Amino acid sequence: MEAYAAKQANEHRQAQEPWRRDVKNSPLPEYPRRWENEPTPPHKPLEQWLAEEGQPRKRSAAWLALEELFK
């Protein structure tokens, strides 16, 4: 009886939402991923990255104008 009720509920839900019938779990596409053939961007050495992070950042004109409002 429970199996029959579950079947009816499933059929009712599919009748209410017909777009869900087309949704299925599909495997990944067979063609290669787009990034497999693309070259990777050059990476900065750790020392260069740390040196740049330690430097104060250049403020934009909008940021400087905003700071002037609150002085």
N, C-alpha and C. Protein backbone atom coordinates (compact mmCIF):
# COMPACT_ATOMS: atom_id res chain seq x y z
N MET A 1 0.82 -1.19 0.00
CA MET A 1 0.00 0.00 0.00
C MET A 1 0.87 1.27 0.00
N GLU A 2 1.97 1.24 0.79
CA GLU A 2 2.85 2.40 0.85
C GLU A 2 3.52 2.65 -0.50
N ALA A 3 3.89 1.56 -1.18
CA ALA A 3 4.53 1.70 -2.49
C ALA A 3 3.56 2.32 -3.50
N TYR A 4 2.31 1.92 -3.43
CA TYR A 4 1.30 2.47 -4.33
C TYR A 4 1.08 3.96 -4.05
N ALA A 5 1.04 4.33 -2.79
CA ALA A 5 0.87 5.74 -2.42
C ALA A 5 2.06 6.57 -2.88
N ALA A 6 3.28 6.01 -2.76
CA ALA A 6 4.48 6.72 -3.21
C ALA A 6 4.46 6.90 -4.73
N LYS A 7 4.00 5.86 -5.44
CA LYS A 7 3.91 5.93 -6.90
C LYS A 7 2.91 7.00 -7.32
N GLN A 8 1.76 7.05 -6.64
CA GLN A 8 0.76 8.07 -6.96
C GLN A 8 1.28 9.48 -6.68
N ALA A 9 1.98 9.62 -5.57
CA ALA A 9 2.53 10.93 -5.23
C ALA A 9 3.57 11.36 -6.28
N ASN A 10 4.38 10.42 -6.73
CA ASN A 10 5.38 10.74 -7.75
C ASN A 10 4.70 11.13 -9.06
N GLU A 11 3.67 10.41 -9.47
CA GLU A 11 2.95 10.74 -10.69
C GLU A 11 2.27 12.09 -10.58
N HIS A 12 1.70 12.38 -9.41
CA HIS A 12 1.05 13.67 -9.19
C HIS A 12 2.07 14.81 -9.27
N ARG A 13 3.23 14.61 -8.67
CA ARG A 13 4.28 15.64 -8.70
C ARG A 13 4.76 15.87 -10.13
N GLN A 14 4.91 14.79 -10.91
CA GLN A 14 5.35 14.95 -12.30
C GLN A 14 4.28 15.64 -13.14
N ALA A 15 3.02 15.42 -12.82
CA ALA A 15 1.95 16.10 -13.55
C ALA A 15 1.94 17.59 -13.22
N GLN A 16 2.29 17.93 -12.00
CA GLN A 16 2.32 19.34 -11.59
C GLN A 16 3.53 20.07 -12.16
N GLU A 17 4.65 19.37 -12.28
CA GLU A 17 5.90 19.97 -12.73
C GLU A 17 6.45 19.15 -13.90
N PRO A 18 5.90 19.34 -15.12
CA PRO A 18 6.36 18.52 -16.25
C PRO A 18 7.81 18.78 -16.63
N TRP A 19 8.33 19.97 -16.33
CA TRP A 19 9.72 20.27 -16.69
C TRP A 19 10.70 19.40 -15.93
N ARG A 20 10.29 18.85 -14.80
CA ARG A 20 11.20 18.00 -14.02
C ARG A 20 11.42 16.63 -14.66
N ARG A 21 10.50 16.21 -15.53
CA ARG A 21 10.65 14.91 -16.18
C ARG A 21 11.89 14.87 -17.06
N ASP A 22 12.27 16.02 -17.63
CA ASP A 22 13.40 16.05 -18.55
C ASP A 22 14.74 16.10 -17.83
N VAL A 23 14.73 16.40 -16.55
CA VAL A 23 15.97 16.52 -15.80
C VAL A 23 16.45 15.14 -15.39
N LYS A 24 17.65 14.81 -15.79
CA LYS A 24 18.22 13.52 -15.44
C LYS A 24 19.67 13.72 -15.05
N ASN A 25 20.20 12.82 -14.29
CA ASN A 25 21.62 12.85 -14.00
C ASN A 25 22.36 12.37 -15.23
N SER A 26 23.17 13.24 -15.78
CA SER A 26 23.88 12.87 -17.00
C SER A 26 25.38 12.87 -16.70
N PRO A 27 26.13 12.04 -17.42
CA PRO A 27 27.57 12.03 -17.21
C PRO A 27 28.20 13.32 -17.72
N LEU A 28 29.43 13.52 -17.34
CA LEU A 28 30.15 14.70 -17.82
C LEU A 28 30.33 14.60 -19.33
N PRO A 29 30.43 15.72 -20.01
CA PRO A 29 30.59 15.66 -21.46
C PRO A 29 31.89 14.97 -21.86
N GLU A 30 31.88 14.40 -23.05
CA GLU A 30 33.03 13.64 -23.52
C GLU A 30 34.16 14.53 -24.00
N TYR A 31 33.84 15.72 -24.48
CA TYR A 31 34.89 16.59 -25.02
C TYR A 31 35.78 17.09 -23.89
N PRO A 32 37.04 17.43 -24.18
CA PRO A 32 37.95 17.86 -23.12
C PRO A 32 37.54 19.21 -22.54
N ARG A 33 37.91 19.42 -21.34
CA ARG A 33 37.62 20.69 -20.68
C ARG A 33 38.34 21.81 -21.40
N ARG A 34 37.77 23.00 -21.40
CA ARG A 34 38.33 24.10 -22.17
C ARG A 34 39.69 24.55 -21.63
N TRP A 35 39.96 24.32 -20.35
CA TRP A 35 41.20 24.81 -19.79
C TRP A 35 42.35 23.82 -19.93
N GLU A 36 42.09 22.64 -20.43
CA GLU A 36 43.18 21.68 -20.59
C GLU A 36 44.18 22.13 -21.64
N ASN A 37 43.72 22.79 -22.70
CA ASN A 37 44.61 23.19 -23.78
C ASN A 37 45.09 24.63 -23.63
N GLU A 38 44.53 25.38 -22.72
CA GLU A 38 44.93 26.77 -22.54
C GLU A 38 46.16 26.84 -21.66
N PRO A 39 47.11 27.71 -22.01
CA PRO A 39 48.29 27.84 -21.17
C PRO A 39 47.92 28.51 -19.84
N THR A 40 48.61 28.14 -18.81
CA THR A 40 48.35 28.73 -17.51
C THR A 40 49.06 30.09 -17.42
N PRO A 41 48.46 31.04 -16.73
CA PRO A 41 49.13 32.33 -16.60
C PRO A 41 50.40 32.18 -15.76
N PRO A 42 51.40 33.02 -16.02
CA PRO A 42 52.63 32.91 -15.24
C PRO A 42 52.38 33.27 -13.78
N HIS A 43 52.99 32.55 -12.90
CA HIS A 43 52.84 32.80 -11.47
C HIS A 43 54.03 33.60 -10.96
N LYS A 44 53.74 34.43 -9.97
CA LYS A 44 54.81 35.21 -9.35
C LYS A 44 55.52 34.34 -8.33
N PRO A 45 56.81 34.53 -8.21
CA PRO A 45 57.50 33.83 -7.11
C PRO A 45 56.99 34.34 -5.77
N LEU A 46 57.06 33.52 -4.77
CA LEU A 46 56.55 33.87 -3.45
C LEU A 46 57.19 35.14 -2.92
N GLU A 47 58.49 35.28 -3.12
CA GLU A 47 59.18 36.46 -2.59
C GLU A 47 58.66 37.73 -3.24
N GLN A 48 58.40 37.70 -4.54
CA GLN A 48 57.88 38.88 -5.22
C GLN A 48 56.47 39.20 -4.73
N TRP A 49 55.66 38.18 -4.55
CA TRP A 49 54.31 38.40 -4.08
C TRP A 49 54.31 38.99 -2.68
N LEU A 50 55.15 38.47 -1.79
CA LEU A 50 55.24 38.99 -0.43
C LEU A 50 55.72 40.43 -0.41
N ALA A 51 56.67 40.75 -1.30
CA ALA A 51 57.18 42.13 -1.36
C ALA A 51 56.08 43.08 -1.81
N GLU A 52 55.28 42.67 -2.76
CA GLU A 52 54.20 43.53 -3.23
C GLU A 52 53.11 43.68 -2.18
N GLU A 53 52.84 42.64 -1.43
CA GLU A 53 51.81 42.71 -0.41
C GLU A 53 52.22 43.62 0.74
N GLY A 54 53.51 43.72 0.98
CA GLY A 54 54.00 44.57 2.07
C GLY A 54 53.97 46.05 1.74
N GLN A 55 53.88 46.39 0.47
CA GLN A 55 53.87 47.79 0.05
C GLN A 55 52.48 48.39 0.23
N PRO A 56 52.40 49.67 0.58
CA PRO A 56 51.08 50.31 0.67
C PRO A 56 50.46 50.39 -0.73
N ARG A 57 49.19 50.21 -0.78
CA ARG A 57 48.50 50.23 -2.07
C ARG A 57 48.22 51.65 -2.52
N LYS A 58 48.25 51.84 -3.83
CA LYS A 58 47.97 53.15 -4.40
C LYS A 58 46.48 53.43 -4.30
N ARG A 59 46.11 54.57 -3.77
CA ARG A 59 44.70 54.93 -3.61
C ARG A 59 44.17 55.55 -4.89
N SER A 60 42.93 55.24 -5.22
CA SER A 60 42.31 55.83 -6.40
C SER A 60 41.87 57.25 -6.08
N ALA A 61 41.58 58.01 -7.14
CA ALA A 61 41.14 59.40 -6.96
C ALA A 61 39.83 59.44 -6.19
N ALA A 62 38.95 58.50 -6.45
CA ALA A 62 37.67 58.46 -5.75
C ALA A 62 37.88 58.20 -4.26
N TRP A 63 38.81 57.32 -3.94
CA TRP A 63 39.09 57.02 -2.53
C TRP A 63 39.67 58.25 -1.83
N LEU A 64 40.58 58.94 -2.50
CA LEU A 64 41.19 60.14 -1.90
C LEU A 64 40.13 61.22 -1.70
N ALA A 65 39.21 61.39 -2.65
CA ALA A 65 38.14 62.37 -2.51
C ALA A 65 37.23 62.01 -1.34
N LEU A 66 36.99 60.73 -1.16
CA LEU A 66 36.17 60.29 -0.05
C LEU A 66 36.85 60.56 1.28
N GLU A 67 38.16 60.34 1.34
CA GLU A 67 38.89 60.62 2.58
C GLU A 67 38.86 62.11 2.90
N GLU A 68 38.89 62.95 1.87
CA GLU A 68 38.84 64.40 2.09
C GLU A 68 37.51 64.82 2.72
N LEU A 69 36.44 64.13 2.41
CA LEU A 69 35.14 64.47 2.98
C LEU A 69 35.11 64.27 4.50
N PHE A 70 35.87 63.33 5.01
CA PHE A 70 35.81 62.98 6.42
C PHE A 70 36.95 63.57 7.23
N LYS A 71 37.70 64.49 6.65
CA LYS A 71 38.79 65.14 7.43
C LYS A 71 38.25 66.31 8.19
